[in-house]
């Protein structure tokens, strides 16, 4: 549910009206080669073509070659293998393609994020090379990685030394730990926390 994601996130995103959307067990699929020119609103939204506005759903998937020109909001999960022009906000958000900002409880990234991540649990993985047509060449966060650690349960883990973060790791609340390959431990910029080197065997 959207209520499970930090309420301040949704206030800042101005999507309070999505807290209790009136879904009716519906499914919306946008086929490859087609464009949906209205907001795509359904229980489940599957995009292989183009969603020209926003997506509001319980679960959403943007397939390889799919595109959302606006933002994607989901109560439960979003899986992005394509391109989202604006933000992705969900309880569980996985990005293997390209997106502007990502917000959620859990965020997994192996694509390109042009802005920030803001979540409680974050994992940054190696780029998914099988995804074509998105322009994604590396696993990268161009902005900051913001970790909600107010309850002390926030976590962030980097599983590959080639992951790039241009900004800082910022822990909100209690001091935190960035788990990362030992090659990265001295170069990360961390606010209110520290690096914990891992011996990761690839």
C-alpha atoms as a PDB file:
ATOM      1  CA  UNK A   1       0.000   0.000   0.000  1.00  0.00           C
ATOM      2  CA  UNK A   2       1.096   3.552  -0.566  1.00  0.00           C
ATOM      3  CA  UNK A   3       0.575   4.119   3.142  1.00  0.00           C
ATOM      4  CA  UNK A   4       3.510   1.769   3.788  1.00  0.00           C
ATOM      5  CA  UNK A   5       5.912   4.189   2.132  1.00  0.00           C
ATOM      6  CA  UNK A   6       7.103   7.140   4.193  1.00  0.00           C
ATOM      7  CA  UNK A   7       4.278   9.669   4.228  1.00  0.00           C
ATOM      8  CA  UNK A   8       6.664  12.597   3.758  1.00  0.00           C
ATOM      9  CA  UNK A   9       7.666  11.106   0.408  1.00  0.00           C
ATOM     10  CA  UNK A  10       4.128  11.340  -0.878  1.00  0.00           C
ATOM     11  CA  UNK A  11       3.568  14.810   0.519  1.00  0.00           C
ATOM     12  CA  UNK A  12       6.622  16.006  -1.349  1.00  0.00           C
ATOM     13  CA  UNK A  13       5.485  14.219  -4.500  1.00  0.00           C
ATOM     14  CA  UNK A  14       1.976  15.712  -4.175  1.00  0.00           C
ATOM     15  CA  UNK A  15       0.236  12.387  -4.640  1.00  0.00           C
ATOM     16  CA  UNK A  16      -1.894  12.239  -1.500  1.00  0.00           C
ATOM     17  CA  UNK A  17      -4.893  11.439  -3.676  1.00  0.00           C
ATOM     18  CA  UNK A  18      -3.274   8.111  -4.623  1.00  0.00           C
ATOM     19  CA  UNK A  19      -3.327   6.719  -1.086  1.00  0.00           C
ATOM     20  CA  UNK A  20      -6.665   4.972  -1.593  1.00  0.00           C
ATOM     21  CA  UNK A  21      -7.230   4.761  -5.328  1.00  0.00           C
ATOM     22  CA  UNK A  22     -10.453   3.127  -6.474  1.00  0.00           C
ATOM     23  CA  UNK A  23      -9.013   0.171  -8.333  1.00  0.00           C
ATOM     24  CA  UNK A  24     -11.519  -2.372  -9.560  1.00  0.00           C
ATOM     25  CA  UNK A  25      -9.470  -5.474 -10.259  1.00  0.00           C
ATOM     26  CA  UNK A  26      -8.563  -4.102 -13.668  1.00  0.00           C
ATOM     27  CA  UNK A  27      -5.674  -4.765 -16.017  1.00  0.00           C
ATOM     28  CA  UNK A  28      -4.262  -2.360 -18.587  1.00  0.00           C
ATOM     29  CA  UNK A  29      -1.783  -3.457 -21.233  1.00  0.00           C
ATOM     30  CA  UNK A  30      -0.181  -1.062 -23.716  1.00  0.00           C
ATOM     31  CA  UNK A  31       1.149  -3.137 -26.645  1.00  0.00           C
ATOM     32  CA  UNK A  32       4.374  -2.463 -28.496  1.00  0.00           C
ATOM     33  CA  UNK A  33       3.931   0.135 -31.221  1.00  0.00           C
ATOM     34  CA  UNK A  34       0.958   1.818 -29.551  1.00  0.00           C
ATOM     35  CA  UNK A  35       0.564   4.919 -27.385  1.00  0.00           C
ATOM     36  CA  UNK A  36      -1.824   5.477 -24.468  1.00  0.00           C
ATOM     37  CA  UNK A  37      -2.535   9.202 -24.259  1.00  0.00           C
ATOM     38  CA  UNK A  38      -4.389   9.249 -20.909  1.00  0.00           C
ATOM     39  CA  UNK A  39      -3.167   8.505 -17.400  1.00  0.00           C
ATOM     40  CA  UNK A  40      -2.779   4.717 -17.224  1.00  0.00           C
ATOM     41  CA  UNK A  41      -4.784   3.707 -14.130  1.00  0.00           C
ATOM     42  CA  UNK A  42      -5.463   0.074 -13.207  1.00  0.00           C
ATOM     43  CA  UNK A  43      -4.671  -2.657 -10.693  1.00  0.00           C
ATOM     44  CA  UNK A  44      -1.972  -3.946 -13.015  1.00  0.00           C
ATOM     45  CA  UNK A  45      -0.375  -1.911 -15.785  1.00  0.00           C
ATOM     46  CA  UNK A  46       1.889  -3.592 -18.360  1.00  0.00           C
ATOM     47  CA  UNK A  47       3.711  -1.332 -20.797  1.00  0.00           C
ATOM     48  CA  UNK A  48       5.422  -2.453 -23.986  1.00  0.00           C
ATOM     49  CA  UNK A  49       4.477   0.669 -25.930  1.00  0.00           C
ATOM     50  CA  UNK A  50       4.262   4.282 -24.757  1.00  0.00           C
ATOM     51  CA  UNK A  51       2.320   5.704 -21.823  1.00  0.00           C
ATOM     52  CA  UNK A  52       2.195   9.398 -22.691  1.00  0.00           C
ATOM     53  CA  UNK A  53       1.232  10.572 -19.195  1.00  0.00           C
ATOM     54  CA  UNK A  54       1.419   9.039 -15.704  1.00  0.00           C
ATOM     55  CA  UNK A  55       0.868   5.501 -14.452  1.00  0.00           C
ATOM     56  CA  UNK A  56      -1.076   4.759 -11.257  1.00  0.00           C
ATOM     57  CA  UNK A  57      -1.376   1.105 -10.238  1.00  0.00           C
ATOM     58  CA  UNK A  58      -1.006  -1.536  -7.591  1.00  0.00           C
ATOM     59  CA  UNK A  59       1.677  -3.210  -9.717  1.00  0.00           C
ATOM     60  CA  UNK A  60       3.326  -1.917 -12.871  1.00  0.00           C
ATOM     61  CA  UNK A  61       5.881  -3.298 -15.306  1.00  0.00           C
ATOM     62  CA  UNK A  62       7.595  -1.378 -18.061  1.00  0.00           C
ATOM     63  CA  UNK A  63       9.064  -3.943 -20.426  1.00  0.00           C
ATOM     64  CA  UNK A  64      12.166  -3.588 -22.558  1.00  0.00           C
ATOM     65  CA  UNK A  65      11.291  -1.039 -25.229  1.00  0.00           C
ATOM     66  CA  UNK A  66       8.439   0.381 -23.150  1.00  0.00           C
ATOM     67  CA  UNK A  67       8.272   4.022 -22.167  1.00  0.00           C
ATOM     68  CA  UNK A  68       6.428   6.207 -19.660  1.00  0.00           C
ATOM     69  CA  UNK A  69       6.717   9.914 -20.370  1.00  0.00           C
ATOM     70  CA  UNK A  70       5.455  10.926 -16.917  1.00  0.00           C
ATOM     71  CA  UNK A  71       5.812   9.285 -13.499  1.00  0.00           C
ATOM     72  CA  UNK A  72       4.891   5.835 -12.205  1.00  0.00           C
ATOM     73  CA  UNK A  73       3.176   5.444  -8.823  1.00  0.00           C
ATOM     74  CA  UNK A  74       2.405   1.953  -7.493  1.00  0.00           C
ATOM     75  CA  UNK A  75       1.009   0.726  -4.196  1.00  0.00           C
ATOM     76  CA  UNK A  76       3.033  -2.467  -4.285  1.00  0.00           C
ATOM     77  CA  UNK A  77       5.747  -2.806  -6.936  1.00  0.00           C
ATOM     78  CA  UNK A  78       7.220  -1.319 -10.097  1.00  0.00           C
ATOM     79  CA  UNK A  79       9.666  -3.196 -12.337  1.00  0.00           C
ATOM     80  CA  UNK A  80      11.261  -0.965 -14.971  1.00  0.00           C
ATOM     81  CA  UNK A  81      13.124  -2.478 -17.916  1.00  0.00           C
ATOM     82  CA  UNK A  82      12.418   0.508 -20.163  1.00  0.00           C
ATOM     83  CA  UNK A  83      12.454   4.282 -19.809  1.00  0.00           C
ATOM     84  CA  UNK A  84      10.515   6.408 -17.307  1.00  0.00           C
ATOM     85  CA  UNK A  85      10.752  10.117 -18.070  1.00  0.00           C
ATOM     86  CA  UNK A  86      10.007  11.292 -14.549  1.00  0.00           C
ATOM     87  CA  UNK A  87       9.833   9.550 -11.157  1.00  0.00           C
ATOM     88  CA  UNK A  88       9.177   6.005  -9.984  1.00  0.00           C
ATOM     89  CA  UNK A  89       7.484   5.686  -6.583  1.00  0.00           C
ATOM     90  CA  UNK A  90       6.477   2.343  -5.064  1.00  0.00           C
ATOM     91  CA  UNK A  91       6.746   0.154  -2.017  1.00  0.00           C
ATOM     92  CA  UNK A  92       9.184  -2.028  -4.000  1.00  0.00           C
ATOM     93  CA  UNK A  93      10.929  -0.398  -6.957  1.00  0.00           C
ATOM     94  CA  UNK A  94      13.327  -2.211  -9.287  1.00  0.00           C
ATOM     95  CA  UNK A  95      15.087  -0.291 -12.055  1.00  0.00           C
ATOM     96  CA  UNK A  96      17.062  -1.953 -14.827  1.00  0.00           C
ATOM     97  CA  UNK A  97      16.367   0.749 -17.365  1.00  0.00           C
ATOM     98  CA  UNK A  98      16.366   4.520 -17.016  1.00  0.00           C
ATOM     99  CA  UNK A  99      14.416   6.799 -14.683  1.00  0.00           C
ATOM    100  CA  UNK A 100      14.720  10.261 -13.121  1.00  0.00           C
ATOM    101  CA  UNK A 101      14.244   9.658  -9.361  1.00  0.00           C
ATOM    102  CA  UNK A 102      13.254   6.553  -7.402  1.00  0.00           C
ATOM    103  CA  UNK A 103      11.432   6.526  -4.068  1.00  0.00           C
ATOM    104  CA  UNK A 104      10.146   3.602  -2.032  1.00  0.00           C
ATOM    105  CA  UNK A 105      10.606   1.300   0.903  1.00  0.00           C
ATOM    106  CA  UNK A 106      12.925  -1.034  -1.046  1.00  0.00           C
ATOM    107  CA  UNK A 107      14.844   0.038  -4.153  1.00  0.00           C
ATOM    108  CA  UNK A 108      16.972  -2.242  -6.354  1.00  0.00           C
ATOM    109  CA  UNK A 109      18.989  -0.559  -9.116  1.00  0.00           C
ATOM    110  CA  UNK A 110      21.062  -1.990 -11.943  1.00  0.00           C
ATOM    111  CA  UNK A 111      20.259   0.717 -14.485  1.00  0.00           C
ATOM    112  CA  UNK A 112      20.634   4.482 -14.698  1.00  0.00           C
ATOM    113  CA  UNK A 113      18.975   6.911 -12.303  1.00  0.00           C
ATOM    114  CA  UNK A 114      19.365  10.525 -13.405  1.00  0.00           C
ATOM    115  CA  UNK A 115      18.519  11.927  -9.966  1.00  0.00           C
ATOM    116  CA  UNK A 116      18.207  10.534  -6.437  1.00  0.00           C
ATOM    117  CA  UNK A 117      17.191   7.379  -4.620  1.00  0.00           C
ATOM    118  CA  UNK A 118      15.191   7.817  -1.396  1.00  0.00           C
ATOM    119  CA  UNK A 119      14.349   4.583   0.426  1.00  0.00           C
ATOM    120  CA  UNK A 120      14.835   2.480   3.553  1.00  0.00           C
ATOM    121  CA  UNK A 121      16.479  -0.545   1.932  1.00  0.00           C
ATOM    122  CA  UNK A 122      18.668  -0.061  -1.124  1.00  0.00           C
ATOM    123  CA  UNK A 123      20.753  -2.420  -3.232  1.00  0.00           C
ATOM    124  CA  UNK A 124      22.956  -1.236  -6.098  1.00  0.00           C
ATOM    125  CA  UNK A 125      23.923  -4.020  -8.507  1.00  0.00           C
ATOM    126  CA  UNK A 126      25.978  -4.358 -11.673  1.00  0.00           C
ATOM    127  CA  UNK A 127      24.433  -3.144 -14.917  1.00  0.00           C
ATOM    128  CA  UNK A 128      22.049  -5.520 -16.646  1.00  0.00           C
ATOM    129  CA  UNK A 129      23.696  -5.844 -20.052  1.00  0.00           C
ATOM    130  CA  UNK A 130      20.849  -7.751 -21.646  1.00  0.00           C
ATOM    131  CA  UNK A 131      18.585  -4.690 -21.642  1.00  0.00           C
ATOM    132  CA  UNK A 132      18.736  -3.017 -25.061  1.00  0.00           C
ATOM    133  CA  UNK A 133      17.316   0.203 -26.442  1.00  0.00           C
ATOM    134  CA  UNK A 134      17.316   2.211 -23.216  1.00  0.00           C
ATOM    135  CA  UNK A 135      20.721   3.800 -23.661  1.00  0.00           C
ATOM    136  CA  UNK A 136      21.782   2.299 -20.334  1.00  0.00           C
ATOM    137  CA  UNK A 137      25.516   1.638 -20.287  1.00  0.00           C
ATOM    138  CA  UNK A 138      26.247   1.437 -16.577  1.00  0.00           C
ATOM    139  CA  UNK A 139      24.691   1.031 -13.158  1.00  0.00           C
ATOM    140  CA  UNK A 140      24.624   4.620 -11.981  1.00  0.00           C
ATOM    141  CA  UNK A 141      22.954   7.088  -9.628  1.00  0.00           C
ATOM    142  CA  UNK A 142      23.632  10.642 -10.798  1.00  0.00           C
ATOM    143  CA  UNK A 143      22.332  12.234  -7.603  1.00  0.00           C
ATOM    144  CA  UNK A 144      22.303  11.225  -3.944  1.00  0.00           C
ATOM    145  CA  UNK A 145      21.374   7.955  -2.272  1.00  0.00           C
ATOM    146  CA  UNK A 146      19.186   8.925   0.689  1.00  0.00           C
ATOM    147  CA  UNK A 147      18.557   6.240   3.296  1.00  0.00           C
ATOM    148  CA  UNK A 148      15.709   6.483   5.805  1.00  0.00           C
ATOM    149  CA  UNK A 149      17.391   5.194   8.955  1.00  0.00           C
ATOM    150  CA  UNK A 150      15.182   6.865  11.549  1.00  0.00           C
ATOM    151  CA  UNK A 151      14.269   3.476  13.054  1.00  0.00           C
ATOM    152  CA  UNK A 152      17.813   2.128  12.668  1.00  0.00           C
ATOM    153  CA  UNK A 153      16.688  -0.451  10.107  1.00  0.00           C
ATOM    154  CA  UNK A 154      17.785   1.358   6.964  1.00  0.00           C
ATOM    155  CA  UNK A 155      20.362  -0.400   4.805  1.00  0.00           C
ATOM    156  CA  UNK A 156      22.340   0.111   1.620  1.00  0.00           C
ATOM    157  CA  UNK A 157      24.487  -2.469  -0.146  1.00  0.00           C
ATOM    158  CA  UNK A 158      26.645  -2.188  -3.265  1.00  0.00           C
ATOM    159  CA  UNK A 159      27.374  -5.572  -4.815  1.00  0.00           C
ATOM    160  CA  UNK A 160      29.675  -4.537  -7.672  1.00  0.00           C
ATOM    161  CA  UNK A 161      32.746  -2.274  -7.761  1.00  0.00           C
ATOM    162  CA  UNK A 162      31.714  -0.749 -11.102  1.00  0.00           C
ATOM    163  CA  UNK A 163      28.534   0.800  -9.686  1.00  0.00           C
ATOM    164  CA  UNK A 164      28.722   4.615  -9.841  1.00  0.00           C
ATOM    165  CA  UNK A 165      27.184   7.130  -7.447  1.00  0.00           C
ATOM    166  CA  UNK A 166      27.951  10.745  -8.340  1.00  0.00           C
ATOM    167  CA  UNK A 167      26.413  12.192  -5.193  1.00  0.00           C
ATOM    168  CA  UNK A 168      26.566  11.226  -1.527  1.00  0.00           C
ATOM    169  CA  UNK A 169      25.081   8.527   0.661  1.00  0.00           C
ATOM    170  CA  UNK A 170      22.971  10.397   3.197  1.00  0.00           C
ATOM    171  CA  UNK A 171      21.544   8.637   6.247  1.00  0.00           C
ATOM    172  CA  UNK A 172      18.472  10.307   7.742  1.00  0.00           C
ATOM    173  CA  UNK A 173      18.078   9.611  11.457  1.00  0.00           C
ATOM    174  CA  UNK A 174      20.595   7.250  13.021  1.00  0.00           C
ATOM    175  CA  UNK A 175      24.112   6.733  11.682  1.00  0.00           C
ATOM    176  CA  UNK A 176      24.285   3.986   9.097  1.00  0.00           C
ATOM    177  CA  UNK A 177      26.605   1.712   7.160  1.00  0.00           C
ATOM    178  CA  UNK A 178      27.189   1.438   3.415  1.00  0.00           C
ATOM    179  CA  UNK A 179      28.164  -2.139   2.614  1.00  0.00           C
ATOM    180  CA  UNK A 180      30.368  -2.114  -0.473  1.00  0.00           C
ATOM    181  CA  UNK A 181      33.256  -3.856  -2.258  1.00  0.00           C
ATOM    182  CA  UNK A 182      36.499  -3.106  -0.451  1.00  0.00           C
ATOM    183  CA  UNK A 183      37.850  -1.280  -3.535  1.00  0.00           C
ATOM    184  CA  UNK A 184      35.189   1.409  -3.050  1.00  0.00           C
ATOM    185  CA  UNK A 185      35.299   1.879   0.707  1.00  0.00           C
ATOM    186  CA  UNK A 186      37.662   4.864   0.780  1.00  0.00           C
ATOM    187  CA  UNK A 187      36.127   6.769  -2.118  1.00  0.00           C
ATOM    188  CA  UNK A 188      32.445   6.929  -1.156  1.00  0.00           C
ATOM    189  CA  UNK A 189      31.011  10.176   0.175  1.00  0.00           C
ATOM    190  CA  UNK A 190      28.928   9.289   3.217  1.00  0.00           C
ATOM    191  CA  UNK A 191      26.973  11.664   5.454  1.00  0.00           C
ATOM    192  CA  UNK A 192      26.052  10.419   8.947  1.00  0.00           C
ATOM    193  CA  UNK A 193      27.546   6.980   8.388  1.00  0.00           C
ATOM    194  CA  UNK A 194      30.538   4.934   7.291  1.00  0.00           C
ATOM    195  CA  UNK A 195      31.590   2.311   4.760  1.00  0.00           C
ATOM    196  CA  UNK A 196      31.781  -1.383   5.572  1.00  0.00           C
ATOM    197  CA  UNK A 197      34.083  -3.211   3.119  1.00  0.00           C
ATOM    198  CA  UNK A 198      32.888  -6.573   1.853  1.00  0.00           C
ATOM    199  CA  UNK A 199      34.907  -9.319   0.218  1.00  0.00           C
ATOM    200  CA  UNK A 200      32.611  -9.932  -2.718  1.00  0.00           C
ATOM    201  CA  UNK A 201      33.638 -12.696  -5.098  1.00  0.00           C
ATOM    202  CA  UNK A 202      32.284 -12.076  -8.580  1.00  0.00           C
END
